[in-house]
Amino acid sequence: DIKDLEYSWSLNNGLNFTNFSKEAKIIAHSFNKSGDYTIKMKVMDDDEAEDEISIEITVQNFKPMADAGTDKIAFEDELIMFSAFNTIDTPSDLPRLNYTWDFGDKNIGYGMNVTHSYQAESDNQTYEVEMTVVDDNNDIDSDKITVTIRNKPPVVRISKDLVGSEDSPITLTGIG
């Protein structure tokens, strides 16, 4: 009887079949690694007669989508935070992604979150920062942002409040 059929599946190239059940007629499964897989299904009727079929499937890798964040403006010598937090990939690939940051000044950084500072040669000097992400299948994507570095103005101060007398010189010291 068709209504009494029970099903069993092997989703890992023919090994480890599931237990037979009527509810297993339709299943869903996610593969966390790309590659070719052999899927097998067994069916058994109420007289315990069995049949088996197999198919080959190919699971393709989802290429990462790099996101280096937004353009930045900072002062020279200021520590800048860079983050690839919004980079997209499958949940199984995200923990294994490799991030490389080229800061555009002959310096390199590694990791999802990095910091860097610049020594600008002129005011409003710009640097193109490129973040490259590589997944466990060696699929690559890159994203670029621009960092503008401004000259840090000097800070001027005058020595503490002084009290003087009329017609007497007061010595002031500039600190900057």
C-alpha atoms as a PDB file:
ATOM      1  CA  ASP A   1       0.000   0.000   0.000  1.00  0.00           C
ATOM      2  CA  ILE A   2       1.313   3.442  -0.932  1.00  0.00           C
ATOM      3  CA  LYS A   3      -0.167   4.999   2.206  1.00  0.00           C
ATOM      4  CA  ASP A   4       1.899   2.610   4.368  1.00  0.00           C
ATOM      5  CA  LEU A   5       5.286   3.366   2.770  1.00  0.00           C
ATOM      6  CA  GLU A   6       8.174   4.387   5.016  1.00  0.00           C
ATOM      7  CA  TYR A   7      11.246   6.308   3.902  1.00  0.00           C
ATOM      8  CA  SER A   8      14.896   6.469   4.869  1.00  0.00           C
ATOM      9  CA  TRP A   9      17.562   8.893   3.612  1.00  0.00           C
ATOM     10  CA  SER A  10      21.339   9.024   3.354  1.00  0.00           C
ATOM     11  CA  LEU A  11      22.626  12.534   2.737  1.00  0.00           C
ATOM     12  CA  ASN A  12      26.356  11.945   3.044  1.00  0.00           C
ATOM     13  CA  ASN A  13      27.359   9.871   0.024  1.00  0.00           C
ATOM     14  CA  GLY A  14      25.507   6.703   0.986  1.00  0.00           C
ATOM     15  CA  LEU A  15      26.519   6.425   4.618  1.00  0.00           C
ATOM     16  CA  ASN A  16      24.305   6.409   7.710  1.00  0.00           C
ATOM     17  CA  PHE A  17      20.716   6.043   6.584  1.00  0.00           C
ATOM     18  CA  THR A  18      18.043   7.606   8.808  1.00  0.00           C
ATOM     19  CA  ASN A  19      15.481   5.389  10.487  1.00  0.00           C
ATOM     20  CA  PHE A  20      12.474   4.450   8.367  1.00  0.00           C
ATOM     21  CA  SER A  21       9.403   6.599   8.955  1.00  0.00           C
ATOM     22  CA  LYS A  22       6.264   7.720   7.136  1.00  0.00           C
ATOM     23  CA  GLU A  23       7.058  11.362   7.975  1.00  0.00           C
ATOM     24  CA  ALA A  24      10.391  11.189   6.116  1.00  0.00           C
ATOM     25  CA  LYS A  25       8.771  11.254   2.673  1.00  0.00           C
ATOM     26  CA  ILE A  26       9.871  14.889   2.312  1.00  0.00           C
ATOM     27  CA  ILE A  27      12.916  16.242   4.129  1.00  0.00           C
ATOM     28  CA  ALA A  28      15.002  19.411   4.032  1.00  0.00           C
ATOM     29  CA  HIS A  29      18.762  19.476   4.548  1.00  0.00           C
ATOM     30  CA  SER A  30      21.425  22.176   4.348  1.00  0.00           C
ATOM     31  CA  PHE A  31      24.999  21.400   3.360  1.00  0.00           C
ATOM     32  CA  ASN A  32      27.637  23.604   4.985  1.00  0.00           C
ATOM     33  CA  LYS A  33      30.369  22.812   2.466  1.00  0.00           C
ATOM     34  CA  SER A  34      30.306  23.032  -1.303  1.00  0.00           C
ATOM     35  CA  GLY A  35      30.960  19.889  -3.316  1.00  0.00           C
ATOM     36  CA  ASP A  36      29.347  16.904  -5.002  1.00  0.00           C
ATOM     37  CA  TYR A  37      27.115  14.662  -2.897  1.00  0.00           C
ATOM     38  CA  THR A  38      25.309  11.373  -3.445  1.00  0.00           C
ATOM     39  CA  ILE A  39      21.828  11.381  -1.949  1.00  0.00           C
ATOM     40  CA  LYS A  40      20.100   8.033  -1.440  1.00  0.00           C
ATOM     41  CA  MET A  41      16.509   7.276  -0.504  1.00  0.00           C
ATOM     42  CA  LYS A  42      15.121   3.902   0.505  1.00  0.00           C
ATOM     43  CA  VAL A  43      11.442   3.106   0.581  1.00  0.00           C
ATOM     44  CA  MET A  44       9.879   0.171   2.411  1.00  0.00           C
ATOM     45  CA  ASP A  45       6.304  -1.108   2.259  1.00  0.00           C
ATOM     46  CA  ASP A  46       4.294  -2.787   4.997  1.00  0.00           C
ATOM     47  CA  ASP A  47       5.642  -6.204   3.882  1.00  0.00           C
ATOM     48  CA  GLU A  48       9.220  -4.881   4.441  1.00  0.00           C
ATOM     49  CA  ALA A  49      10.009  -4.995   0.733  1.00  0.00           C
ATOM     50  CA  GLU A  50      12.538  -2.232  -0.096  1.00  0.00           C
ATOM     51  CA  ASP A  51      13.698  -0.234  -3.076  1.00  0.00           C
ATOM     52  CA  GLU A  52      16.495   2.337  -3.275  1.00  0.00           C
ATOM     53  CA  ILE A  53      17.347   5.244  -5.578  1.00  0.00           C
ATOM     54  CA  SER A  54      20.255   7.678  -5.603  1.00  0.00           C
ATOM     55  CA  ILE A  55      20.962  11.033  -7.217  1.00  0.00           C
ATOM     56  CA  GLU A  56      24.032  13.215  -7.487  1.00  0.00           C
ATOM     57  CA  ILE A  57      23.775  16.847  -6.436  1.00  0.00           C
ATOM     58  CA  THR A  58      26.246  19.710  -6.556  1.00  0.00           C
ATOM     59  CA  VAL A  59      26.300  22.260  -3.756  1.00  0.00           C
ATOM     60  CA  GLN A  60      27.844  25.517  -4.913  1.00  0.00           C
ATOM     61  CA  ASN A  61      29.739  27.937  -2.713  1.00  0.00           C
ATOM     62  CA  PHE A  62      28.189  31.325  -1.974  1.00  0.00           C
ATOM     63  CA  LYS A  63      30.914  33.870  -2.715  1.00  0.00           C
ATOM     64  CA  PRO A  64      31.521  36.356   0.122  1.00  0.00           C
ATOM     65  CA  MET A  65      30.391  39.948  -0.418  1.00  0.00           C
ATOM     66  CA  ALA A  66      32.952  42.351   1.075  1.00  0.00           C
ATOM     67  CA  ASP A  67      31.863  45.491   2.943  1.00  0.00           C
ATOM     68  CA  ALA A  68      34.660  47.739   4.231  1.00  0.00           C
ATOM     69  CA  GLY A  69      32.254  50.227   5.771  1.00  0.00           C
ATOM     70  CA  THR A  70      31.943  53.922   4.963  1.00  0.00           C
ATOM     71  CA  ASP A  71      34.471  56.586   4.004  1.00  0.00           C
ATOM     72  CA  LYS A  72      36.262  58.145   6.975  1.00  0.00           C
ATOM     73  CA  ILE A  73      37.713  61.516   7.978  1.00  0.00           C
ATOM     74  CA  ALA A  74      40.293  61.719  10.761  1.00  0.00           C
ATOM     75  CA  PHE A  75      43.226  63.772  12.025  1.00  0.00           C
ATOM     76  CA  GLU A  76      46.812  62.669  11.526  1.00  0.00           C
ATOM     77  CA  ASP A  77      48.002  60.259  14.249  1.00  0.00           C
ATOM     78  CA  GLU A  78      44.373  59.520  15.234  1.00  0.00           C
ATOM     79  CA  LEU A  79      43.640  55.809  15.653  1.00  0.00           C
ATOM     80  CA  ILE A  80      40.913  54.837  13.156  1.00  0.00           C
ATOM     81  CA  MET A  81      38.709  51.743  13.545  1.00  0.00           C
ATOM     82  CA  PHE A  82      37.988  49.718  10.393  1.00  0.00           C
ATOM     83  CA  SER A  83      35.359  46.970  10.418  1.00  0.00           C
ATOM     84  CA  ALA A  84      34.190  44.383   7.895  1.00  0.00           C
ATOM     85  CA  PHE A  85      31.274  43.457  10.163  1.00  0.00           C
ATOM     86  CA  ASN A  86      28.718  43.889   7.359  1.00  0.00           C
ATOM     87  CA  THR A  87      30.510  41.484   5.011  1.00  0.00           C
ATOM     88  CA  ILE A  88      28.038  38.817   3.858  1.00  0.00           C
ATOM     89  CA  ASP A  89      28.527  35.067   3.498  1.00  0.00           C
ATOM     90  CA  THR A  90      26.769  31.882   4.593  1.00  0.00           C
ATOM     91  CA  PRO A  91      26.591  31.286   8.358  1.00  0.00           C
ATOM     92  CA  SER A  92      28.921  28.286   8.056  1.00  0.00           C
ATOM     93  CA  ASP A  93      31.570  30.336   6.201  1.00  0.00           C
ATOM     94  CA  LEU A  94      31.481  33.554   8.273  1.00  0.00           C
ATOM     95  CA  PRO A  95      33.682  32.293  11.147  1.00  0.00           C
ATOM     96  CA  ARG A  96      36.330  31.078   8.681  1.00  0.00           C
ATOM     97  CA  LEU A  97      36.665  34.207   6.515  1.00  0.00           C
ATOM     98  CA  ASN A  98      40.109  35.800   6.160  1.00  0.00           C
ATOM     99  CA  TYR A  99      40.266  39.601   5.979  1.00  0.00           C
ATOM    100  CA  THR A 100      43.199  41.644   4.647  1.00  0.00           C
ATOM    101  CA  TRP A 101      43.277  45.448   4.808  1.00  0.00           C
ATOM    102  CA  ASP A 102      45.555  47.485   2.523  1.00  0.00           C
ATOM    103  CA  PHE A 103      45.578  50.949   4.105  1.00  0.00           C
ATOM    104  CA  GLY A 104      46.979  52.672   1.005  1.00  0.00           C
ATOM    105  CA  ASP A 105      50.146  53.814   2.787  1.00  0.00           C
ATOM    106  CA  LYS A 106      52.184  50.596   2.371  1.00  0.00           C
ATOM    107  CA  ASN A 107      50.771  49.154   5.612  1.00  0.00           C
ATOM    108  CA  ILE A 108      48.628  46.010   5.875  1.00  0.00           C
ATOM    109  CA  GLY A 109      46.262  44.756   8.588  1.00  0.00           C
ATOM    110  CA  TYR A 110      44.502  41.430   9.155  1.00  0.00           C
ATOM    111  CA  GLY A 111      41.171  40.587  10.747  1.00  0.00           C
ATOM    112  CA  MET A 112      37.516  41.605  10.660  1.00  0.00           C
ATOM    113  CA  ASN A 113      38.207  44.623  12.898  1.00  0.00           C
ATOM    114  CA  VAL A 114      41.491  46.533  12.736  1.00  0.00           C
ATOM    115  CA  THR A 115      42.872  49.947  13.674  1.00  0.00           C
ATOM    116  CA  HIS A 116      45.349  52.194  11.879  1.00  0.00           C
ATOM    117  CA  SER A 117      46.650  55.768  12.008  1.00  0.00           C
ATOM    118  CA  TYR A 118      48.199  57.936   9.294  1.00  0.00           C
ATOM    119  CA  GLN A 119      51.056  60.429   9.075  1.00  0.00           C
ATOM    120  CA  ALA A 120      49.723  62.884   6.495  1.00  0.00           C
ATOM    121  CA  GLU A 121      52.128  64.889   4.355  1.00  0.00           C
ATOM    122  CA  SER A 122      49.508  67.545   3.634  1.00  0.00           C
ATOM    123  CA  ASP A 123      46.097  68.654   4.842  1.00  0.00           C
ATOM    124  CA  ASN A 124      43.162  66.672   3.414  1.00  0.00           C
ATOM    125  CA  GLN A 125      45.409  63.923   2.099  1.00  0.00           C
ATOM    126  CA  THR A 126      43.361  60.925   0.937  1.00  0.00           C
ATOM    127  CA  TYR A 127      44.110  57.228   1.061  1.00  0.00           C
ATOM    128  CA  GLU A 128      42.273  54.429  -0.702  1.00  0.00           C
ATOM    129  CA  VAL A 129      41.749  51.542   1.698  1.00  0.00           C
ATOM    130  CA  GLU A 130      40.977  48.130   0.211  1.00  0.00           C
ATOM    131  CA  MET A 131      39.608  45.249   2.271  1.00  0.00           C
ATOM    132  CA  THR A 132      39.788  41.795   0.693  1.00  0.00           C
ATOM    133  CA  VAL A 133      37.898  38.806   2.071  1.00  0.00           C
ATOM    134  CA  VAL A 134      38.637  35.154   1.205  1.00  0.00           C
ATOM    135  CA  ASP A 135      36.445  32.189   2.158  1.00  0.00           C
ATOM    136  CA  ASP A 136      37.384  28.536   2.681  1.00  0.00           C
ATOM    137  CA  ASN A 137      36.814  27.830  -1.038  1.00  0.00           C
ATOM    138  CA  ASN A 138      39.302  30.596  -1.973  1.00  0.00           C
ATOM    139  CA  ASP A 139      36.509  32.758  -3.379  1.00  0.00           C
ATOM    140  CA  ILE A 140      37.498  36.421  -3.077  1.00  0.00           C
ATOM    141  CA  ASP A 141      35.749  39.769  -2.954  1.00  0.00           C
ATOM    142  CA  SER A 142      37.037  43.280  -2.205  1.00  0.00           C
ATOM    143  CA  ASP A 143      35.617  46.629  -1.197  1.00  0.00           C
ATOM    144  CA  LYS A 144      37.261  50.060  -1.093  1.00  0.00           C
ATOM    145  CA  ILE A 145      36.726  53.151   1.003  1.00  0.00           C
ATOM    146  CA  THR A 146      38.464  56.531   1.107  1.00  0.00           C
ATOM    147  CA  VAL A 147      40.115  57.927   4.219  1.00  0.00           C
ATOM    148  CA  THR A 148      40.773  61.665   4.349  1.00  0.00           C
ATOM    149  CA  ILE A 149      43.425  62.781   6.827  1.00  0.00           C
ATOM    150  CA  ARG A 150      43.337  66.335   8.078  1.00  0.00           C
ATOM    151  CA  ASN A 151      46.179  68.276   9.596  1.00  0.00           C
ATOM    152  CA  LYS A 152      45.813  68.357  13.331  1.00  0.00           C
ATOM    153  CA  PRO A 153      45.857  72.042  14.346  1.00  0.00           C
ATOM    154  CA  PRO A 154      48.113  73.070  17.196  1.00  0.00           C
ATOM    155  CA  VAL A 155      46.580  73.652  20.589  1.00  0.00           C
ATOM    156  CA  VAL A 156      47.365  77.023  22.081  1.00  0.00           C
ATOM    157  CA  ARG A 157      47.421  77.704  25.804  1.00  0.00           C
ATOM    158  CA  ILE A 158      48.649  80.493  27.996  1.00  0.00           C
ATOM    159  CA  SER A 159      50.209  79.855  31.373  1.00  0.00           C
ATOM    160  CA  LYS A 160      47.938  79.990  34.377  1.00  0.00           C
ATOM    161  CA  ASP A 161      46.043  83.087  35.392  1.00  0.00           C
ATOM    162  CA  LEU A 162      48.444  85.661  36.679  1.00  0.00           C
ATOM    163  CA  VAL A 163      47.845  88.602  38.893  1.00  0.00           C
ATOM    164  CA  GLY A 164      49.968  91.645  38.466  1.00  0.00           C
ATOM    165  CA  SER A 165      50.255  95.170  39.696  1.00  0.00           C
ATOM    166  CA  GLU A 166      49.715  98.353  37.735  1.00  0.00           C
ATOM    167  CA  ASP A 167      52.779  99.486  35.856  1.00  0.00           C
ATOM    168  CA  SER A 168      54.545  96.135  36.562  1.00  0.00           C
ATOM    169  CA  PRO A 169      55.292  93.679  33.746  1.00  0.00           C
ATOM    170  CA  ILE A 170      53.512  90.332  33.771  1.00  0.00           C
ATOM    171  CA  THR A 171      55.320  87.463  32.086  1.00  0.00           C
ATOM    172  CA  LEU A 172      53.084  85.334  29.814  1.00  0.00           C
ATOM    173  CA  THR A 173      54.184  82.019  28.402  1.00  0.00           C
ATOM    174  CA  GLY A 174      52.570  80.469  25.336  1.00  0.00           C
ATOM    175  CA  ILE A 175      52.390  76.681  25.251  1.00  0.00           C
ATOM    176  CA  GLY A 176      51.583  74.974  21.967  1.00  0.00           C
END
